[in-house]
Amino acid sequence: MFAKTVTLAFVSSALLASSAFAQTAWVEIEDNVQVPALNATVDQIDDWDVYAGGEKVGEVEEVVGTQAGTATALVVDFEGNGGFADQDVVVPLDQFTWENNQLVLNADATAVGSMEIWND
């Protein structure tokens, strides 16, 4: 009985741990889909420059969502400027604003460092 309890506890712990490391199942959004938060289509948003603190820190690589047809995040190709690591990161749409004809990231490098890395 003890062996079964220990085995069950181990299996349960392993399942919980693996779900904590699971990545979101992102899908790339089609070019013609409108992104209301930015008042533009995916095709228009692709390759927009991304600014933080008045400095260009990267550009939009992809527009993604958790289901087709609904954009919920941008994949930003950070260039290693402004304290941001040189990598592609999935950044939620609510972290951006459109100001003075620029896409502005409202998250600092530490916050972005804890976001999901995009591996395409």
N, C-alpha and C. Protein backbone atom coordinates (compact mmCIF):
# COMPACT_ATOMS: atom_id res chain seq x y z
N MET A 1 0.82 -1.19 0.00
CA MET A 1 0.00 0.00 0.00
C MET A 1 0.87 1.26 0.00
N PHE A 2 1.93 1.27 0.79
CA PHE A 2 2.83 2.41 0.85
C PHE A 2 3.45 2.67 -0.52
N ALA A 3 3.87 1.62 -1.22
CA ALA A 3 4.49 1.77 -2.54
C ALA A 3 3.50 2.40 -3.53
N LYS A 4 2.24 1.99 -3.48
CA LYS A 4 1.24 2.57 -4.38
C LYS A 4 1.02 4.05 -4.09
N THR A 5 1.00 4.41 -2.81
CA THR A 5 0.80 5.80 -2.41
C THR A 5 1.97 6.67 -2.88
N VAL A 6 3.18 6.16 -2.66
CA VAL A 6 4.37 6.90 -3.09
C VAL A 6 4.39 7.05 -4.60
N THR A 7 4.07 5.98 -5.32
CA THR A 7 4.05 6.03 -6.78
C THR A 7 3.01 7.01 -7.28
N LEU A 8 1.81 6.97 -6.68
CA LEU A 8 0.75 7.89 -7.07
C LEU A 8 1.16 9.34 -6.81
N ALA A 9 1.78 9.59 -5.67
CA ALA A 9 2.23 10.94 -5.34
C ALA A 9 3.30 11.42 -6.32
N PHE A 10 4.21 10.54 -6.70
CA PHE A 10 5.27 10.89 -7.64
C PHE A 10 4.69 11.22 -9.01
N VAL A 11 3.78 10.38 -9.49
CA VAL A 11 3.16 10.60 -10.80
C VAL A 11 2.37 11.90 -10.79
N SER A 12 1.62 12.16 -9.74
CA SER A 12 0.85 13.41 -9.64
C SER A 12 1.76 14.62 -9.66
N SER A 13 2.86 14.55 -8.92
CA SER A 13 3.82 15.66 -8.89
C SER A 13 4.44 15.89 -10.26
N ALA A 14 4.77 14.83 -10.94
CA ALA A 14 5.38 14.94 -12.27
C ALA A 14 4.39 15.58 -13.25
N LEU A 15 3.13 15.20 -13.20
CA LEU A 15 2.13 15.78 -14.09
C LEU A 15 1.93 17.27 -13.80
N LEU A 16 1.87 17.64 -12.55
CA LEU A 16 1.72 19.05 -12.19
C LEU A 16 2.93 19.85 -12.64
N ALA A 17 4.11 19.32 -12.44
CA ALA A 17 5.33 20.03 -12.83
C ALA A 17 5.39 20.21 -14.34
N SER A 18 5.03 19.18 -15.09
CA SER A 18 5.11 19.29 -16.54
C SER A 18 4.11 20.30 -17.08
N SER A 19 2.94 20.43 -16.45
CA SER A 19 1.98 21.41 -16.92
C SER A 19 2.45 22.84 -16.64
N ALA A 20 3.25 23.02 -15.60
CA ALA A 20 3.77 24.35 -15.28
C ALA A 20 4.75 24.82 -16.35
N PHE A 21 5.42 23.89 -17.02
CA PHE A 21 6.40 24.25 -18.03
C PHE A 21 5.82 24.23 -19.45
N ALA A 22 4.55 23.90 -19.58
CA ALA A 22 3.94 23.83 -20.90
C ALA A 22 3.83 25.23 -21.49
N GLN A 23 4.11 25.34 -22.78
CA GLN A 23 3.98 26.61 -23.46
C GLN A 23 2.59 26.74 -24.04
N THR A 24 2.19 27.97 -24.26
CA THR A 24 0.89 28.23 -24.87
C THR A 24 0.93 27.74 -26.31
N ALA A 25 -0.16 27.18 -26.76
CA ALA A 25 -0.26 26.72 -28.15
C ALA A 25 -0.66 27.90 -29.02
N TRP A 26 0.33 28.65 -29.50
CA TRP A 26 0.08 29.82 -30.32
C TRP A 26 -0.16 29.44 -31.76
N VAL A 27 -1.05 30.17 -32.43
CA VAL A 27 -1.25 30.01 -33.87
C VAL A 27 -0.99 31.36 -34.53
N GLU A 28 -0.38 31.32 -35.71
CA GLU A 28 -0.14 32.54 -36.46
C GLU A 28 -1.45 32.99 -37.08
N ILE A 29 -1.72 34.27 -37.00
CA ILE A 29 -2.98 34.84 -37.49
C ILE A 29 -2.81 35.24 -38.96
N GLU A 30 -3.84 34.97 -39.75
CA GLU A 30 -3.82 35.28 -41.18
C GLU A 30 -3.69 36.79 -41.43
N ASP A 31 -3.07 37.15 -42.55
CA ASP A 31 -2.77 38.54 -42.89
C ASP A 31 -3.99 39.45 -42.94
N ASN A 32 -5.15 38.94 -43.34
CA ASN A 32 -6.32 39.80 -43.54
C ASN A 32 -7.14 40.04 -42.27
N VAL A 33 -6.73 39.45 -41.16
CA VAL A 33 -7.49 39.61 -39.91
C VAL A 33 -7.22 40.99 -39.30
N GLN A 34 -8.30 41.64 -38.89
CA GLN A 34 -8.21 42.94 -38.24
C GLN A 34 -7.81 42.78 -36.78
N VAL A 35 -6.91 43.63 -36.30
CA VAL A 35 -6.51 43.64 -34.89
C VAL A 35 -7.05 44.93 -34.30
N PRO A 36 -8.24 44.85 -33.66
CA PRO A 36 -8.90 46.07 -33.16
C PRO A 36 -8.04 46.89 -32.21
N ALA A 37 -7.24 46.25 -31.38
CA ALA A 37 -6.43 46.98 -30.40
C ALA A 37 -5.46 47.94 -31.08
N LEU A 38 -5.06 47.64 -32.31
CA LEU A 38 -4.11 48.49 -33.03
C LEU A 38 -4.73 49.13 -34.27
N ASN A 39 -6.02 48.87 -34.49
CA ASN A 39 -6.75 49.43 -35.62
C ASN A 39 -6.01 49.21 -36.95
N ALA A 40 -5.56 47.97 -37.16
CA ALA A 40 -4.82 47.62 -38.37
C ALA A 40 -4.98 46.12 -38.63
N THR A 41 -4.67 45.71 -39.85
CA THR A 41 -4.68 44.28 -40.16
C THR A 41 -3.34 43.66 -39.79
N VAL A 42 -3.32 42.35 -39.70
CA VAL A 42 -2.09 41.63 -39.41
C VAL A 42 -1.01 41.98 -40.43
N ASP A 43 -1.40 42.03 -41.71
CA ASP A 43 -0.45 42.36 -42.76
C ASP A 43 0.18 43.74 -42.55
N GLN A 44 -0.61 44.70 -42.09
CA GLN A 44 -0.09 46.05 -41.83
C GLN A 44 0.85 46.06 -40.63
N ILE A 45 0.54 45.27 -39.61
CA ILE A 45 1.32 45.27 -38.36
C ILE A 45 2.66 44.57 -38.52
N ASP A 46 2.69 43.53 -39.36
CA ASP A 46 3.91 42.77 -39.57
C ASP A 46 5.06 43.71 -39.97
N ASP A 47 6.18 43.60 -39.29
CA ASP A 47 7.39 44.39 -39.52
C ASP A 47 7.34 45.81 -38.96
N TRP A 48 6.28 46.16 -38.20
CA TRP A 48 6.30 47.47 -37.54
C TRP A 48 7.47 47.52 -36.56
N ASP A 49 8.10 48.66 -36.45
CA ASP A 49 9.13 48.87 -35.45
C ASP A 49 8.49 48.98 -34.08
N VAL A 50 9.19 48.49 -33.06
CA VAL A 50 8.71 48.54 -31.68
C VAL A 50 9.65 49.45 -30.89
N TYR A 51 9.06 50.39 -30.14
CA TYR A 51 9.83 51.36 -29.37
C TYR A 51 9.59 51.20 -27.87
N ALA A 52 10.61 51.49 -27.09
CA ALA A 52 10.50 51.54 -25.63
C ALA A 52 11.45 52.63 -25.16
N GLY A 53 10.96 53.49 -24.31
CA GLY A 53 11.80 54.58 -23.82
C GLY A 53 12.33 55.48 -24.92
N GLY A 54 11.57 55.63 -26.01
CA GLY A 54 11.98 56.49 -27.11
C GLY A 54 12.99 55.86 -28.05
N GLU A 55 13.37 54.61 -27.80
CA GLU A 55 14.38 53.92 -28.60
C GLU A 55 13.77 52.72 -29.32
N LYS A 56 14.18 52.51 -30.56
CA LYS A 56 13.73 51.31 -31.28
C LYS A 56 14.41 50.10 -30.64
N VAL A 57 13.57 49.14 -30.20
CA VAL A 57 14.12 47.95 -29.53
C VAL A 57 13.88 46.67 -30.32
N GLY A 58 13.06 46.75 -31.37
CA GLY A 58 12.81 45.56 -32.17
C GLY A 58 11.76 45.81 -33.22
N GLU A 59 11.24 44.71 -33.79
CA GLU A 59 10.16 44.83 -34.75
C GLU A 59 9.23 43.64 -34.63
N VAL A 60 8.01 43.82 -35.12
CA VAL A 60 7.00 42.77 -35.06
C VAL A 60 7.38 41.68 -36.06
N GLU A 61 7.53 40.48 -35.56
CA GLU A 61 7.88 39.31 -36.38
C GLU A 61 6.63 38.56 -36.82
N GLU A 62 5.68 38.38 -35.89
CA GLU A 62 4.44 37.64 -36.15
C GLU A 62 3.32 38.23 -35.30
N VAL A 63 2.10 38.00 -35.73
CA VAL A 63 0.92 38.29 -34.92
C VAL A 63 0.31 36.93 -34.61
N VAL A 64 0.12 36.63 -33.31
CA VAL A 64 -0.33 35.30 -32.90
C VAL A 64 -1.53 35.40 -31.96
N GLY A 65 -2.18 34.25 -31.79
CA GLY A 65 -3.30 34.15 -30.87
C GLY A 65 -3.44 32.73 -30.39
N THR A 66 -4.33 32.51 -29.46
CA THR A 66 -4.56 31.16 -28.97
C THR A 66 -5.58 30.43 -29.82
N GLN A 67 -6.25 31.15 -30.71
CA GLN A 67 -7.16 30.53 -31.67
C GLN A 67 -7.12 31.34 -32.96
N ALA A 68 -7.31 30.65 -34.07
CA ALA A 68 -7.25 31.31 -35.38
C ALA A 68 -8.29 32.44 -35.45
N GLY A 69 -7.88 33.56 -36.01
CA GLY A 69 -8.80 34.67 -36.20
C GLY A 69 -8.85 35.66 -35.07
N THR A 70 -8.17 35.39 -33.97
CA THR A 70 -8.18 36.32 -32.84
C THR A 70 -6.75 36.58 -32.37
N ALA A 71 -6.25 37.74 -32.67
CA ALA A 71 -4.90 38.12 -32.25
C ALA A 71 -4.89 38.48 -30.78
N THR A 72 -3.95 37.92 -30.03
CA THR A 72 -3.83 38.25 -28.61
C THR A 72 -2.40 38.64 -28.22
N ALA A 73 -1.45 38.48 -29.16
CA ALA A 73 -0.06 38.80 -28.83
C ALA A 73 0.72 39.10 -30.10
N LEU A 74 1.84 39.79 -29.91
CA LEU A 74 2.78 40.04 -31.00
C LEU A 74 4.09 39.34 -30.66
N VAL A 75 4.69 38.73 -31.66
CA VAL A 75 6.04 38.20 -31.50
C VAL A 75 6.98 39.32 -31.90
N VAL A 76 7.78 39.78 -30.95
CA VAL A 76 8.71 40.88 -31.20
C VAL A 76 10.12 40.31 -31.33
N ASP A 77 10.77 40.68 -32.42
CA ASP A 77 12.17 40.32 -32.64
C ASP A 77 13.00 41.44 -32.02
N PHE A 78 13.39 41.21 -30.75
CA PHE A 78 14.20 42.22 -30.05
C PHE A 78 15.62 42.19 -30.60
N GLU A 79 16.23 43.37 -30.68
CA GLU A 79 17.55 43.52 -31.30
C GLU A 79 18.69 43.66 -30.30
N GLY A 80 18.38 43.53 -29.00
CA GLY A 80 19.43 43.66 -27.99
C GLY A 80 19.64 45.10 -27.54
N ASN A 81 18.72 46.00 -27.87
CA ASN A 81 18.83 47.41 -27.48
C ASN A 81 18.01 47.67 -26.22
N GLY A 82 18.36 48.72 -25.50
CA GLY A 82 17.56 49.19 -24.37
C GLY A 82 17.42 48.19 -23.23
N GLY A 83 18.36 47.26 -23.13
CA GLY A 83 18.33 46.28 -22.05
C GLY A 83 17.53 45.03 -22.40
N PHE A 84 16.93 44.98 -23.58
CA PHE A 84 16.16 43.82 -24.00
C PHE A 84 17.09 42.81 -24.66
N ALA A 85 16.94 41.54 -24.31
CA ALA A 85 17.78 40.49 -24.88
C ALA A 85 17.49 40.33 -26.37
N ASP A 86 18.49 39.92 -27.13
CA ASP A 86 18.37 39.69 -28.57
C ASP A 86 17.69 38.35 -28.81
N GLN A 87 16.35 38.37 -28.85
CA GLN A 87 15.57 37.15 -29.03
C GLN A 87 14.16 37.51 -29.45
N ASP A 88 13.42 36.50 -29.93
CA ASP A 88 12.01 36.68 -30.28
C ASP A 88 11.15 36.32 -29.07
N VAL A 89 10.25 37.22 -28.68
CA VAL A 89 9.44 37.03 -27.48
C VAL A 89 7.97 37.28 -27.81
N VAL A 90 7.09 36.46 -27.23
CA VAL A 90 5.64 36.64 -27.38
C VAL A 90 5.19 37.65 -26.32
N VAL A 91 4.70 38.79 -26.79
CA VAL A 91 4.29 39.88 -25.89
C VAL A 91 2.79 40.12 -26.07
N PRO A 92 2.01 40.04 -24.97
CA PRO A 92 0.56 40.27 -25.07
C PRO A 92 0.24 41.65 -25.64
N LEU A 93 -0.84 41.71 -26.41
CA LEU A 93 -1.25 42.97 -27.03
C LEU A 93 -1.47 44.09 -26.03
N ASP A 94 -1.91 43.75 -24.82
CA ASP A 94 -2.19 44.81 -23.84
C ASP A 94 -0.93 45.51 -23.33
N GLN A 95 0.23 45.06 -23.77
CA GLN A 95 1.49 45.69 -23.38
C GLN A 95 1.94 46.77 -24.37
N PHE A 96 1.09 47.03 -25.39
CA PHE A 96 1.44 48.00 -26.43
C PHE A 96 0.42 49.14 -26.50
N THR A 97 0.92 50.30 -26.92
CA THR A 97 0.05 51.42 -27.27
C THR A 97 0.58 52.02 -28.57
N TRP A 98 -0.30 52.73 -29.25
CA TRP A 98 0.09 53.44 -30.46
C TRP A 98 0.19 54.92 -30.10
N GLU A 99 1.41 55.45 -30.11
CA GLU A 99 1.65 56.84 -29.71
C GLU A 99 2.53 57.54 -30.73
N ASN A 100 2.11 58.70 -31.17
CA ASN A 100 2.91 59.50 -32.11
C ASN A 100 3.39 58.68 -33.31
N ASN A 101 2.47 57.90 -33.88
CA ASN A 101 2.77 57.05 -35.04
C ASN A 101 3.87 56.02 -34.76
N GLN A 102 3.92 55.54 -33.53
CA GLN A 102 4.88 54.49 -33.16
C GLN A 102 4.20 53.45 -32.29
N LEU A 103 4.61 52.19 -32.48
CA LEU A 103 4.16 51.10 -31.62
C LEU A 103 5.06 51.10 -30.39
N VAL A 104 4.47 51.43 -29.24
CA VAL A 104 5.25 51.59 -28.02
C VAL A 104 4.99 50.42 -27.08
N LEU A 105 6.06 49.81 -26.64
CA LEU A 105 6.01 48.72 -25.67
C LEU A 105 6.00 49.32 -24.28
N ASN A 106 5.01 48.94 -23.47
CA ASN A 106 4.86 49.49 -22.12
C ASN A 106 5.36 48.53 -21.05
N ALA A 107 6.19 47.57 -21.41
CA ALA A 107 6.78 46.63 -20.46
C ALA A 107 8.29 46.84 -20.46
N ASP A 108 8.90 46.74 -19.30
CA ASP A 108 10.35 46.91 -19.24
C ASP A 108 11.07 45.60 -19.57
N ALA A 109 12.38 45.66 -19.66
CA ALA A 109 13.18 44.50 -20.05
C ALA A 109 13.03 43.34 -19.08
N THR A 110 12.87 43.62 -17.80
CA THR A 110 12.69 42.55 -16.81
C THR A 110 11.38 41.81 -17.05
N ALA A 111 10.31 42.56 -17.29
CA ALA A 111 9.01 41.93 -17.56
C ALA A 111 9.06 41.11 -18.84
N VAL A 112 9.67 41.66 -19.88
CA VAL A 112 9.78 40.94 -21.15
C VAL A 112 10.63 39.68 -20.98
N GLY A 113 11.65 39.75 -20.13
CA GLY A 113 12.51 38.59 -19.88
C GLY A 113 11.78 37.42 -19.29
N SER A 114 10.63 37.66 -18.66
CA SER A 114 9.85 36.57 -18.07
C SER A 114 8.76 36.06 -19.01
N MET A 115 8.66 36.67 -20.20
CA MET A 115 7.65 36.24 -21.17
C MET A 115 8.17 35.09 -22.01
N GLU A 116 7.24 34.44 -22.70
CA GLU A 116 7.57 33.26 -23.49
C GLU A 116 8.43 33.59 -24.71
N ILE A 117 9.47 32.80 -24.91
CA ILE A 117 10.32 32.94 -26.09
C ILE A 117 9.66 32.23 -27.26
N TRP A 118 9.69 32.86 -28.41
CA TRP A 118 9.09 32.30 -29.64
C TRP A 118 10.14 31.48 -30.37
N ASN A 119 9.84 30.23 -30.59
CA ASN A 119 10.70 29.35 -31.36
C ASN A 119 9.94 28.89 -32.58
N ASP A 120 10.25 29.49 -33.73
CA ASP A 120 9.54 29.08 -34.95
C ASP A 120 10.35 28.16 -35.80
